Amino acid sequence: MRRPRLRLVLGISIPVLVIVVLLAAWALDSSNASGKVPRNVTLAGRDVSLMAEDTLAATVADIAKQYSTTKVKLRTDDRTYEVEAAKLGLHLDEKATVRGALDIDKGKSKFRRPLVWMSSFLDERRAPLTFTVDDAELEAGLATLGGNADPTEPAIVNTASSFGIVSGSPGRKISSDGVSSQLITRAQSAELPIVVDTRDVEAEPKVSDETARALANRLTENTADGLKITAGEHEATIPGATVRTWVSSQIKDSADGQAGTIVPVLDEKLALKDVTEALPEPTEAKDATIQLVNGAVQITPSTDGAKCCGEDTAERLLRAIDNGGGSVNLELVEEKAEFSTEDAEKLGIKEPVGGMTEWKGNPQIRSFTTYHDCCAPRVTNIHRIADLVRGTIVKPGEQFSVNAVVGQRTAEKGFVEAGAIANGEHVDEIGGGVSQFATTMFNAAFFAGLPIDTYQAHSEHFSRYPFGREATMGYPNPDLAWTNNTPYGILVWTSYTDTSITVTLYSTQYAYGEQTNQTTGRSGSCTTVNTERTIHYPDGRTATDNFRARYRDAGRTSC
């Protein structure tokens, strides 16, 4: 048998060997490029060959940024505009573009892939760019260009005896028809700049003159006889000519912004002014008062106030004008008294309270009186502070402070210059003498069994004050303050004559105090006084507290 010729063997085996080597190289290269962009691929002119997905994503993001600022030349019939692509809603779909580059060979048969691989060494391949256009952004971007002119919408206007209209007129807009597809096609071609052709179209008003005129006619009819207003017990009629001054119109867009309706609107400020002037003056809330009348506690009832009008007044007025009928009910705003009759009654203020004692030969029964000479300047101050304090109500748990109620004694408040003590010296000052009022109140609170929180005795004793049981005043200190620790309110009532000042506390009798002991001692050039008080409570309990005074000897300014 004859052996094959060597030339024939080589002629067959060499091509087969070449094919095997190429297939092996393709298989090895494909394995190394798995998950990467195939060989010799470009994207928007950039070489992305063999890029891993994360590197490719960064490159695509940079391309997207570049395209967002790419200029688009938008040509209309008579003008060319230049605008950034992103402002017309053109965006690179980054995920789709990345996937397109990675899968550029996807879909090719297994038999063609080696041939494609071999050809990639010779020919460059372009991966596709995937773009989208946001229609809303496109419309908004076109609307900002200088060639647009908004249509003028019709409006209703008030005339002397009716409503008329101001006609609308068309505008001009750049049409978006076909722009989206052109943007995508031009952008995918990677040709710069992107050139798009469109045209100007007429933009009609969203509301017709006929619709506006129908509204004007209806509102004219609805306001012909004016508007009857009822607010609580009050009624008033606003003339039609006045009502029409409140009303204008506006265009209310539909949800998609493409259509609209014309609706009446109200000048709320002007309408409320006219309505308020047509109704009686508002009434103000008045608190209940508690005072002494002919020796008896009397409560003057509180009254609530009312004024026009409720928060929905404008809404009600507009609805009445729009719907017709000629009348509207308005809610009054009620203003409640801060201190009602019921509040006053609950305080239980009905009688003088306190204990009994004697001073200057006069019985002190549930009140306290001190005495002074007539007609001195200090008496003016005693009477003035009594006037300012009279009628003060101290609720349960509250503290009464003379300085808090009266404030600084000044000439503007009616106080005059009179004798006082400052740093141990006798001086004249505005408000001098009010310490006699403080002493009188101190004793009223003392015998009523009330806690006396703040007090200071004089630095020398005066015979017109109870020994060891008195208080001086200054501003801001010394002060006299006591707390209402009873379950009832306390009414502070003052009265005076030319030679006396009286403080009476009105409430419901609860506790009372009495002086049960007093001791004196010496401290340097001063006499010290300790006064014990026993407080009797309604349930039979008693408690004691002590009050101290320190009087310097005659001729001394300190101890």
Protein backbone atom coordinates (compact mmCIF):
# COMPACT_ATOMS: atom_id res chain seq x y z
CA MET A 1 0.00 0.00 0.00
CA ARG A 2 1.32 3.41 -0.91
CA ARG A 3 1.97 5.99 1.83
CA PRO A 4 0.38 9.48 1.48
CA ARG A 5 2.67 12.01 0.05
CA LEU A 6 4.30 14.36 2.62
CA ARG A 7 3.09 17.43 0.80
CA LEU A 8 -0.52 16.36 1.09
CA VAL A 9 -0.20 15.60 4.76
CA LEU A 10 1.37 18.92 5.47
CA GLY A 11 -1.24 20.69 3.37
CA ILE A 12 -4.00 19.28 5.51
CA SER A 13 -2.39 19.28 8.96
CA ILE A 14 -0.98 22.83 8.95
CA PRO A 15 -4.35 24.61 8.45
CA VAL A 16 -5.94 22.34 11.02
CA LEU A 17 -3.14 23.17 13.44
CA VAL A 18 -3.60 26.89 12.80
CA ILE A 19 -7.34 26.62 13.47
CA VAL A 20 -6.71 24.68 16.67
CA VAL A 21 -4.18 27.28 17.85
CA LEU A 22 -6.56 30.16 17.06
CA LEU A 23 -9.43 28.44 18.85
CA ALA A 24 -7.23 27.80 21.84
CA ALA A 25 -6.11 31.45 21.84
CA TRP A 26 -9.75 32.60 21.54
CA ALA A 27 -10.79 30.34 24.40
CA LEU A 28 -7.94 31.56 26.59
CA ASP A 29 -8.54 35.23 25.75
CA SER A 30 -12.30 34.89 26.28
CA SER A 31 -11.70 33.27 29.65
CA ASN A 32 -9.40 36.10 30.72
CA ALA A 33 -11.94 38.72 29.47
CA SER A 34 -14.94 37.20 31.29
CA GLY A 35 -17.02 39.93 32.95
CA LYS A 36 -15.18 42.63 31.00
CA VAL A 37 -15.82 44.60 27.84
CA PRO A 38 -14.69 42.61 24.76
CA ARG A 39 -11.51 43.58 22.90
CA ASN A 40 -11.27 46.71 20.67
CA VAL A 41 -14.59 48.36 21.79
CA THR A 42 -15.11 52.13 22.02
CA LEU A 43 -17.85 54.14 23.69
CA ALA A 44 -18.47 57.75 22.65
CA GLY A 45 -14.95 57.76 21.17
CA ARG A 46 -13.33 56.34 24.33
CA ASP A 47 -11.51 53.01 24.34
CA VAL A 48 -13.29 50.80 26.88
CA SER A 49 -11.70 47.50 25.78
CA LEU A 50 -11.30 44.91 28.52
CA MET A 51 -12.65 47.31 31.18
CA ALA A 52 -14.14 45.68 34.29
CA GLU A 53 -17.72 46.64 35.09
CA ASP A 54 -16.87 49.08 37.90
CA THR A 55 -14.28 50.89 35.78
CA LEU A 56 -16.68 51.00 32.87
CA ALA A 57 -19.45 52.43 35.13
CA ALA A 58 -17.14 55.29 36.17
CA THR A 59 -16.34 56.01 32.51
CA VAL A 60 -20.03 55.98 31.59
CA ALA A 61 -20.81 58.35 34.46
CA ASP A 62 -18.21 60.76 33.12
CA ILE A 63 -19.74 60.50 29.62
CA ALA A 64 -23.20 61.17 31.12
CA LYS A 65 -21.87 64.29 32.81
CA GLN A 66 -20.35 65.41 29.52
CA TYR A 67 -23.62 64.93 27.65
CA SER A 68 -25.62 66.78 30.30
CA THR A 69 -23.79 69.99 29.37
CA THR A 70 -23.60 69.27 25.67
CA LYS A 71 -25.12 72.11 23.66
CA VAL A 72 -28.22 71.42 21.62
CA LYS A 73 -28.95 73.68 18.67
CA LEU A 74 -32.72 73.94 18.47
CA ARG A 75 -33.85 75.39 15.13
CA THR A 76 -37.31 76.88 14.59
CA ASP A 77 -38.70 78.60 11.51
CA ASP A 78 -36.93 81.89 12.16
CA ARG A 79 -34.55 81.40 15.03
CA THR A 80 -31.94 79.02 16.47
CA TYR A 81 -31.59 78.48 20.23
CA GLU A 82 -28.68 76.96 22.06
CA VAL A 83 -29.45 75.11 25.27
CA GLU A 84 -27.83 72.39 27.39
CA ALA A 85 -29.09 68.88 26.69
CA ALA A 86 -30.02 68.17 30.31
CA LYS A 87 -32.34 71.21 30.34
CA LEU A 88 -34.31 69.55 27.54
CA GLY A 89 -34.63 66.33 29.56
CA LEU A 90 -31.95 64.35 27.63
CA HIS A 91 -30.16 61.91 29.93
CA LEU A 92 -27.77 59.02 29.34
CA ASP A 93 -29.19 55.78 30.76
CA GLU A 94 -26.00 54.76 32.54
CA LYS A 95 -27.03 51.23 33.56
CA ALA A 96 -28.30 50.37 30.08
CA THR A 97 -25.18 51.81 28.46
CA VAL A 98 -22.86 49.82 30.75
CA ARG A 99 -24.80 46.64 30.03
CA GLY A 100 -24.73 47.35 26.29
CA ALA A 101 -20.93 47.58 26.26
CA LEU A 102 -20.46 44.43 28.35
CA ASP A 103 -22.94 42.48 26.23
CA ILE A 104 -21.88 43.76 22.82
CA ASP A 105 -21.28 40.16 21.63
CA LYS A 106 -24.34 38.75 23.32
CA GLY A 107 -26.71 37.09 20.85
CA LYS A 108 -24.00 36.03 18.41
CA SER A 109 -23.84 32.27 17.78
CA LYS A 110 -21.05 30.19 19.27
CA PHE A 111 -19.72 29.45 15.79
CA ARG A 112 -19.42 33.18 14.91
CA ARG A 113 -17.78 34.28 18.15
CA PRO A 114 -14.25 33.13 17.23
CA LEU A 115 -14.57 34.94 13.90
CA VAL A 116 -15.81 38.10 15.69
CA TRP A 117 -12.89 37.80 18.09
CA MET A 118 -10.40 37.54 15.27
CA SER A 119 -11.93 40.47 13.42
CA SER A 120 -11.68 42.59 16.57
CA PHE A 121 -7.94 42.74 16.04
CA LEU A 122 -8.58 44.50 12.75
CA ASP A 123 -11.79 46.57 13.18
CA GLU A 124 -12.86 48.91 16.02
CA ARG A 125 -16.40 48.36 17.34
CA ARG A 126 -18.64 51.05 18.83
CA ALA A 127 -20.80 50.15 21.87
CA PRO A 128 -24.25 51.78 21.82
CA LEU A 129 -25.20 54.82 23.92
CA THR A 130 -28.68 54.53 25.43
CA PHE A 131 -30.53 57.81 26.01
CA THR A 132 -33.90 58.78 27.49
CA VAL A 133 -35.86 62.03 27.41
CA ASP A 134 -38.01 63.22 30.33
CA ASP A 135 -41.10 64.73 28.69
CA ALA A 136 -41.87 67.05 31.61
CA GLU A 137 -38.32 68.39 31.64
CA LEU A 138 -38.46 68.82 27.87
CA GLU A 139 -41.65 70.90 28.06
CA ALA A 140 -40.24 72.97 30.92
CA GLY A 141 -36.98 73.53 29.08
CA LEU A 142 -38.71 74.64 25.89
CA ALA A 143 -40.91 76.99 27.92
CA THR A 144 -37.85 78.87 29.21
CA LEU A 145 -36.57 79.78 25.77
CA GLY A 146 -36.96 83.36 24.63
CA GLY A 147 -39.21 82.59 21.71
CA ASN A 148 -42.13 81.68 23.95
CA ALA A 149 -44.92 84.07 24.79
CA ASP A 150 -47.58 82.98 27.26
CA PRO A 151 -51.18 83.43 26.20
CA THR A 152 -53.21 86.05 28.05
CA GLU A 153 -56.12 84.52 29.91
CA PRO A 154 -59.46 86.33 30.06
CA ALA A 155 -60.44 87.95 33.37
CA ILE A 156 -63.60 89.35 34.88
CA VAL A 157 -63.66 93.02 35.89
CA ASN A 158 -66.05 95.09 37.96
CA THR A 159 -67.89 97.84 36.11
CA ALA A 160 -70.27 100.42 37.54
CA SER A 161 -73.30 98.13 37.60
CA SER A 162 -72.11 94.67 36.55
CA PHE A 163 -69.17 92.42 35.79
CA GLY A 164 -67.49 92.49 32.38
CA ILE A 165 -64.47 90.74 30.96
CA VAL A 166 -61.05 91.53 29.56
CA SER A 167 -60.59 89.21 26.60
CA GLY A 168 -57.78 86.70 26.41
CA SER A 169 -55.28 86.49 23.55
CA PRO A 170 -53.12 83.68 22.15
CA GLY A 171 -49.42 83.33 22.80
CA ARG A 172 -46.63 81.47 21.06
CA LYS A 173 -44.72 78.37 22.12
CA ILE A 174 -41.99 76.16 20.72
CA SER A 175 -43.52 72.83 19.77
CA SER A 176 -42.18 69.69 21.41
CA ASP A 177 -43.51 67.42 18.64
CA GLY A 178 -40.71 65.17 17.38
CA VAL A 179 -38.06 66.84 19.55
CA SER A 180 -37.70 63.86 21.88
CA SER A 181 -36.98 61.34 19.12
CA GLN A 182 -34.57 63.72 17.38
CA LEU A 183 -32.65 64.28 20.59
CA ILE A 184 -32.22 60.55 21.14
CA THR A 185 -31.25 59.81 17.51
CA ARG A 186 -28.71 62.64 17.29
CA ALA A 187 -27.23 61.83 20.69
CA GLN A 188 -26.86 58.12 19.85
CA SER A 189 -24.99 59.05 16.68
CA ALA A 190 -22.37 60.72 18.92
CA GLU A 191 -22.27 63.66 16.54
CA LEU A 192 -21.75 67.01 18.22
CA PRO A 193 -23.31 69.47 18.46
CA ILE A 194 -26.78 67.93 18.60
CA VAL A 195 -29.03 69.67 16.09
CA VAL A 196 -32.83 69.43 16.39
CA ASP A 197 -35.50 70.99 14.18
CA THR A 198 -38.94 72.09 15.40
CA ARG A 199 -41.42 74.93 14.85
CA ASP A 200 -43.33 77.67 16.65
CA VAL A 201 -47.03 77.04 17.28
CA GLU A 202 -49.80 79.28 18.57
CA ALA A 203 -50.68 78.75 22.25
CA GLU A 204 -54.34 79.31 22.92
CA PRO A 205 -55.63 80.54 26.32
CA LYS A 206 -56.77 77.73 28.59
CA VAL A 207 -60.12 79.47 29.08
CA SER A 208 -62.25 80.97 26.34
CA ASP A 209 -63.81 84.43 26.40
CA GLU A 210 -67.23 82.77 26.27
CA THR A 211 -66.53 80.85 29.50
CA ALA A 212 -65.30 84.03 31.21
CA ARG A 213 -68.34 85.98 30.02
CA ALA A 214 -70.68 83.30 31.37
CA LEU A 215 -69.04 83.66 34.79
CA ALA A 216 -69.30 87.47 34.64
CA ASN A 217 -73.01 87.28 33.79
CA ARG A 218 -73.70 84.81 36.59
CA LEU A 219 -71.88 86.92 39.19
CA THR A 220 -73.69 90.05 37.98
CA GLU A 221 -77.02 88.34 38.55
CA ASN A 222 -75.95 86.95 41.94
CA THR A 223 -74.90 90.41 43.25
CA ALA A 224 -77.70 92.48 41.76
CA ASP A 225 -79.57 92.82 45.08
CA GLY A 226 -76.51 92.98 47.29
CA LEU A 227 -75.66 90.49 50.03
CA LYS A 228 -77.64 90.08 53.25
CA ILE A 229 -75.35 89.19 56.15
CA THR A 230 -76.48 87.57 59.40
CA ALA A 231 -73.94 87.40 62.22
CA GLY A 232 -75.36 86.23 65.51
CA GLU A 233 -78.29 88.51 66.33
CA HIS A 234 -77.13 91.18 63.90
CA GLU A 235 -78.12 91.67 60.26
CA ALA A 236 -76.83 93.99 57.55
CA THR A 237 -77.11 94.24 53.78
CA ILE A 238 -74.02 95.06 51.71
CA PRO A 239 -74.91 96.87 48.43
CA GLY A 240 -74.20 94.99 45.21
CA ALA A 241 -71.77 97.67 44.01
CA THR A 242 -69.72 97.15 47.18
CA VAL A 243 -69.83 93.36 46.91
CA ARG A 244 -68.53 93.51 43.33
CA THR A 245 -65.43 95.42 44.46
CA TRP A 246 -64.42 92.33 46.43
CA VAL A 247 -64.43 89.97 43.44
CA SER A 248 -61.89 89.26 40.72
CA SER A 249 -60.93 86.03 38.94
CA GLN A 250 -58.11 83.60 38.45
CA ILE A 251 -57.39 80.61 36.23
CA LYS A 252 -57.33 77.30 38.03
CA ASP A 253 -55.22 74.76 36.16
CA SER A 254 -56.18 71.13 35.68
CA ALA A 255 -54.01 68.40 37.15
CA ASP A 256 -51.94 68.11 33.94
CA GLY A 257 -51.69 71.86 33.47
CA GLN A 258 -53.05 71.64 29.93
CA ALA A 259 -56.55 72.95 30.63
CA GLY A 260 -58.11 75.27 33.15
CA THR A 261 -61.22 76.89 34.50
CA ILE A 262 -61.91 80.48 35.50
CA VAL A 263 -63.06 80.92 39.09
CA PRO A 264 -63.98 83.94 41.22
CA VAL A 265 -61.62 85.02 44.00
CA LEU A 266 -62.24 87.33 46.93
CA ASP A 267 -60.22 90.26 48.26
CA GLU A 268 -60.46 88.96 51.83
CA LYS A 269 -59.05 92.06 53.51
CA LEU A 270 -61.43 94.46 51.74
CA ALA A 271 -64.45 92.18 52.21
CA LEU A 272 -63.83 91.75 55.94
CA LYS A 273 -63.36 95.52 56.35
CA ASP A 274 -66.70 96.28 54.68
CA VAL A 275 -68.55 93.55 56.57
CA THR A 276 -67.11 94.65 59.91
CA GLU A 277 -68.09 98.28 59.28
CA ALA A 278 -71.64 97.24 58.37
CA LEU A 279 -72.16 95.35 61.66
CA PRO A 280 -72.39 96.81 65.18
CA GLU A 281 -69.19 97.40 67.12
CA PRO A 282 -67.71 94.21 68.63
CA THR A 283 -68.28 93.59 72.31
CA GLU A 284 -65.33 92.97 74.59
CA ALA A 285 -65.16 90.28 77.22
CA LYS A 286 -65.30 91.60 80.77
CA ASP A 287 -64.03 89.68 83.74
CA ALA A 288 -66.11 89.20 86.84
CA THR A 289 -65.18 91.57 89.66
CA ILE A 290 -65.40 91.15 93.40
CA GLN A 291 -65.73 94.24 95.55
CA LEU A 292 -67.27 95.53 98.73
CA VAL A 293 -70.56 97.39 98.33
CA ASN A 294 -72.23 98.83 101.44
CA GLY A 295 -70.19 96.53 103.63
CA ALA A 296 -71.08 93.33 101.72
CA VAL A 297 -69.10 91.33 99.17
CA GLN A 298 -70.64 91.72 95.73
CA ILE A 299 -69.77 89.85 92.51
CA THR A 300 -70.28 91.74 89.27
CA PRO A 301 -70.89 89.00 86.68
CA SER A 302 -68.53 88.48 83.77
CA THR A 303 -69.65 88.95 80.19
CA ASP A 304 -68.29 87.26 77.08
CA GLY A 305 -67.40 89.30 74.03
CA ALA A 306 -68.03 88.70 70.35
CA LYS A 307 -66.58 90.11 67.16
CA CYS A 308 -66.83 89.51 63.45
CA CYS A 309 -65.92 87.11 62.13
CA GLY A 310 -64.87 83.45 62.07
CA GLU A 311 -61.86 82.09 60.18
CA ASP A 312 -64.07 80.78 57.37
CA THR A 313 -65.70 84.17 56.69
CA ALA A 314 -64.01 84.70 53.30
CA GLU A 315 -64.93 81.18 52.23
CA ARG A 316 -68.58 81.72 53.20
CA LEU A 317 -68.79 85.09 51.46
CA LEU A 318 -67.29 83.75 48.24
CA ARG A 319 -69.54 80.71 48.25
CA ALA A 320 -72.63 82.91 48.70
CA ILE A 321 -71.55 85.20 45.83
CA ASP A 322 -70.65 82.31 43.55
CA ASN A 323 -73.77 80.22 44.24
CA GLY A 324 -76.28 83.06 44.48
CA GLY A 325 -79.15 83.32 46.97
CA GLY A 326 -78.25 86.79 48.24
CA SER A 327 -77.60 85.92 51.87
CA VAL A 328 -74.94 84.42 54.11
CA ASN A 329 -74.63 83.46 57.78
CA LEU A 330 -71.32 84.35 59.40
CA GLU A 331 -69.91 82.94 62.62
CA LEU A 332 -68.96 85.40 65.34
CA VAL A 333 -65.71 84.91 67.20
CA GLU A 334 -66.56 84.50 70.86
CA GLU A 335 -64.14 85.89 73.41
CA LYS A 336 -64.47 84.27 76.81
CA ALA A 337 -63.84 86.24 79.97
CA GLU A 338 -60.62 85.13 81.63
CA PHE A 339 -62.21 85.38 85.08
CA SER A 340 -65.80 84.21 84.87
CA THR A 341 -68.69 84.59 87.30
CA GLU A 342 -68.32 80.89 88.10
CA ASP A 343 -64.61 81.40 88.83
CA ALA A 344 -65.46 84.23 91.21
CA GLU A 345 -68.14 82.23 93.02
CA LYS A 346 -65.81 79.25 93.46
CA LEU A 347 -63.33 81.41 95.39
CA GLY A 348 -65.75 81.59 98.32
CA ILE A 349 -65.05 85.24 99.13
CA LYS A 350 -67.93 86.23 101.42
CA GLU A 351 -66.80 87.55 104.84
CA PRO A 352 -63.97 89.15 106.80
CA VAL A 353 -61.52 86.54 108.09
CA GLY A 354 -58.98 86.41 110.90
CA GLY A 355 -58.88 86.58 114.67
CA MET A 356 -59.58 89.16 117.28
CA THR A 357 -57.27 91.39 119.32
CA GLU A 358 -57.08 94.93 120.66
CA TRP A 359 -54.88 97.83 119.67
CA LYS A 360 -54.77 101.35 121.06
CA GLY A 361 -57.82 100.56 123.14
CA ASN A 362 -59.88 99.55 120.05
CA PRO A 363 -61.07 96.01 119.30
CA GLN A 364 -59.62 94.56 116.10
CA ILE A 365 -62.17 92.02 114.85
CA ARG A 366 -61.17 90.17 111.67
CA SER A 367 -59.36 93.25 110.37
CA PHE A 368 -56.63 95.54 111.60
CA THR A 369 -56.43 99.33 111.97
CA THR A 370 -53.47 101.53 112.82
CA TYR A 371 -53.69 105.23 113.64
CA HIS A 372 -51.77 108.36 112.68
CA ASP A 373 -51.97 112.13 112.90
CA CYS A 374 -54.03 113.95 110.33
CA CYS A 375 -52.98 115.68 107.21
CA ALA A 376 -49.21 115.13 107.04
CA PRO A 377 -47.63 114.34 103.61
CA ARG A 378 -47.09 110.73 104.75
CA VAL A 379 -50.89 110.35 105.02
CA THR A 380 -51.19 111.11 101.28
CA ASN A 381 -48.85 108.19 100.61
CA ILE A 382 -50.71 105.86 102.99
CA HIS A 383 -53.99 106.63 101.25
CA ARG A 384 -52.45 106.27 97.78
CA ILE A 385 -50.95 102.82 98.42
CA ALA A 386 -54.24 101.73 99.99
CA ASP A 387 -56.07 102.78 96.81
CA LEU A 388 -53.66 100.80 94.63
CA VAL A 389 -53.93 97.62 96.68
CA ARG A 390 -57.68 97.73 97.28
CA GLY A 391 -59.56 94.99 95.40
CA THR A 392 -56.58 92.70 94.82
CA ILE A 393 -57.64 89.05 94.68
CA VAL A 394 -55.18 86.42 95.88
CA LYS A 395 -56.16 82.95 94.68
CA PRO A 396 -55.38 79.76 96.63
CA GLY A 397 -51.66 79.03 96.49
CA GLU A 398 -50.74 82.51 95.23
CA GLN A 399 -48.42 84.94 96.98
CA PHE A 400 -49.29 88.57 97.61
CA SER A 401 -46.39 91.03 97.49
CA VAL A 402 -46.86 94.75 98.15
CA ASN A 403 -43.98 95.67 95.83
CA ALA A 404 -45.25 93.36 93.09
CA VAL A 405 -48.70 94.96 93.19
CA VAL A 406 -47.71 98.60 93.69
CA GLY A 407 -44.25 98.79 92.12
CA GLN A 408 -41.87 101.62 92.85
CA ARG A 409 -43.44 104.60 94.56
CA THR A 410 -43.12 107.57 92.17
CA ALA A 411 -44.60 111.02 91.76
CA GLU A 412 -46.23 109.85 88.52
CA LYS A 413 -48.19 107.32 90.57
CA GLY A 414 -49.40 109.98 92.97
CA PHE A 415 -46.86 109.61 95.78
CA VAL A 416 -45.27 112.61 97.50
CA GLU A 417 -42.13 113.31 99.48
CA ALA A 418 -42.40 112.47 103.18
CA GLY A 419 -40.32 111.26 106.10
CA ALA A 420 -38.56 107.87 105.96
CA ILE A 421 -35.54 106.05 107.43
CA ALA A 422 -32.48 105.30 105.30
CA ASN A 423 -29.31 103.77 106.79
CA GLY A 424 -30.47 104.65 110.26
CA GLU A 425 -31.05 108.31 109.39
CA HIS A 426 -34.36 110.18 109.10
CA VAL A 427 -34.71 111.50 105.54
CA ASP A 428 -37.40 112.70 103.14
CA GLU A 429 -38.16 110.55 100.07
CA ILE A 430 -40.99 109.91 97.60
CA GLY A 431 -43.42 107.49 99.20
CA GLY A 432 -42.32 108.00 102.77
CA GLY A 433 -44.84 106.71 105.31
CA VAL A 434 -46.09 103.65 103.39
CA SER A 435 -44.55 101.45 106.08
CA GLN A 436 -47.64 102.20 108.17
CA PHE A 437 -49.73 100.53 105.48
CA ALA A 438 -47.31 97.56 105.45
CA THR A 439 -47.57 97.25 109.24
CA THR A 440 -51.37 97.31 109.08
CA MET A 441 -51.39 94.57 106.42
CA PHE A 442 -48.78 92.57 108.36
CA ASN A 443 -51.13 92.43 111.34
CA ALA A 444 -54.17 91.57 109.20
CA ALA A 445 -52.24 88.59 107.74
CA PHE A 446 -50.82 87.73 111.20
CA PHE A 447 -54.25 87.34 112.80
CA ALA A 448 -55.67 85.59 109.70
CA GLY A 449 -53.10 82.83 110.28
CA LEU A 450 -51.46 83.31 106.85
CA PRO A 451 -47.79 82.45 106.24
CA ILE A 452 -45.82 85.71 106.13
CA ASP A 453 -42.98 84.97 103.75
CA THR A 454 -41.12 88.27 103.62
CA TYR A 455 -41.04 91.10 106.15
CA GLN A 456 -38.61 93.39 107.96
CA ALA A 457 -39.29 95.35 111.11
CA HIS A 458 -38.25 98.99 111.47
CA SER A 459 -34.80 99.66 112.92
CA GLU A 460 -36.41 101.79 115.64
CA HIS A 461 -39.73 101.44 117.35
CA PHE A 462 -42.59 103.91 116.80
CA SER A 463 -45.49 103.95 119.20
CA ARG A 464 -48.01 103.98 116.36
CA TYR A 465 -46.95 100.39 115.49
CA PRO A 466 -47.48 97.25 117.63
CA PHE A 467 -44.24 96.42 119.42
CA GLY A 468 -42.38 93.63 117.58
CA ARG A 469 -45.26 93.09 115.17
CA GLU A 470 -44.68 95.45 112.28
CA ALA A 471 -43.02 95.86 108.87
CA THR A 472 -41.16 98.53 106.95
CA MET A 473 -41.10 99.09 103.17
CA GLY A 474 -38.62 100.03 100.47
CA TYR A 475 -38.15 99.31 96.77
CA PRO A 476 -37.24 96.76 95.62
CA ASN A 477 -36.56 95.79 99.23
CA PRO A 478 -37.65 95.53 101.99
CA ASP A 479 -40.96 93.98 100.84
CA LEU A 480 -43.96 92.51 102.60
CA ALA A 481 -45.25 89.23 101.13
CA TRP A 482 -47.61 86.54 102.34
CA THR A 483 -49.11 83.40 100.80
CA ASN A 484 -52.74 82.31 100.59
CA ASN A 485 -52.51 78.74 101.92
CA THR A 486 -56.28 78.38 102.29
CA PRO A 487 -58.69 76.63 99.91
CA TYR A 488 -60.46 79.96 99.26
CA GLY A 489 -59.65 83.19 97.47
CA ILE A 490 -58.79 86.30 99.47
CA LEU A 491 -60.00 89.80 98.62
CA VAL A 492 -57.73 92.54 99.99
CA TRP A 493 -59.87 95.48 101.00
CA THR A 494 -58.58 98.78 102.38
CA SER A 495 -60.29 101.79 103.91
CA TYR A 496 -59.05 104.90 105.66
CA THR A 497 -59.93 108.08 107.45
CA ASP A 498 -57.87 111.20 108.05
CA THR A 499 -56.35 109.49 111.10
CA SER A 500 -56.45 105.72 110.41
CA ILE A 501 -55.79 103.01 107.87
CA THR A 502 -57.61 99.65 107.92
CA VAL A 503 -56.85 96.40 106.05
CA THR A 504 -59.54 93.70 105.94
CA LEU A 505 -59.11 90.32 104.27
CA TYR A 506 -62.33 88.84 102.87
CA SER A 507 -62.65 85.10 102.26
CA THR A 508 -64.29 82.14 103.99
CA GLN A 509 -63.12 81.84 107.59
CA TYR A 510 -60.46 79.13 107.67
CA ALA A 511 -57.68 79.65 110.19
CA TYR A 512 -56.87 82.44 112.61
CA GLY A 513 -53.80 83.51 114.55
CA GLU A 514 -53.17 84.92 117.99
CA GLN A 515 -50.13 86.27 119.75
CA THR A 516 -49.32 83.74 122.47
CA ASN A 517 -45.95 84.97 123.71
CA GLN A 518 -43.37 87.72 123.35
CA THR A 519 -39.86 87.94 124.77
CA THR A 520 -37.20 90.63 124.59
CA GLY A 521 -33.41 90.59 124.85
CA ARG A 522 -30.36 92.73 124.25
CA SER A 523 -27.82 92.69 121.42
CA GLY A 524 -25.29 95.48 121.63
CA SER A 525 -27.16 98.78 121.51
CA CYS A 526 -30.38 97.08 120.30
CA THR A 527 -33.39 95.45 121.85
CA THR A 528 -34.38 92.17 120.23
CA VAL A 529 -38.00 91.08 120.21
CA ASN A 530 -39.33 87.57 119.53
CA THR A 531 -43.10 87.32 119.00
CA GLU A 532 -44.78 83.91 119.00
CA ARG A 533 -47.93 83.27 117.01
CA THR A 534 -50.25 80.30 117.41
CA ILE A 535 -52.35 79.40 114.38
CA HIS A 536 -55.66 77.60 114.88
CA TYR A 537 -56.96 75.48 111.98
CA PRO A 538 -60.57 74.39 111.35
CA ASP A 539 -59.83 70.73 112.17
CA GLY A 540 -58.54 71.63 115.65
CA ARG A 541 -54.84 71.53 114.79
CA THR A 542 -52.53 74.30 115.97
CA ALA A 543 -49.11 75.43 114.85
CA THR A 544 -46.71 78.10 116.05
CA ASP A 545 -44.25 80.39 114.31
CA ASN A 546 -42.10 83.32 115.43
CA PHE A 547 -41.40 86.84 114.20
CA ARG A 548 -38.36 88.89 115.11
CA ALA A 549 -37.64 92.59 115.40
CA ARG A 550 -34.51 94.51 116.35
CA TYR A 551 -34.79 98.08 117.63
CA ARG A 552 -31.77 100.32 118.17
CA ASP A 553 -31.50 102.50 121.25
CA ALA A 554 -32.44 106.17 121.07
CA GLY A 555 -29.69 108.27 119.51
CA ARG A 556 -28.00 105.30 117.86
CA THR A 557 -27.94 104.61 114.12
CA SER A 558 -26.99 100.94 114.50
CA CYS A 559 -26.43 98.26 117.10
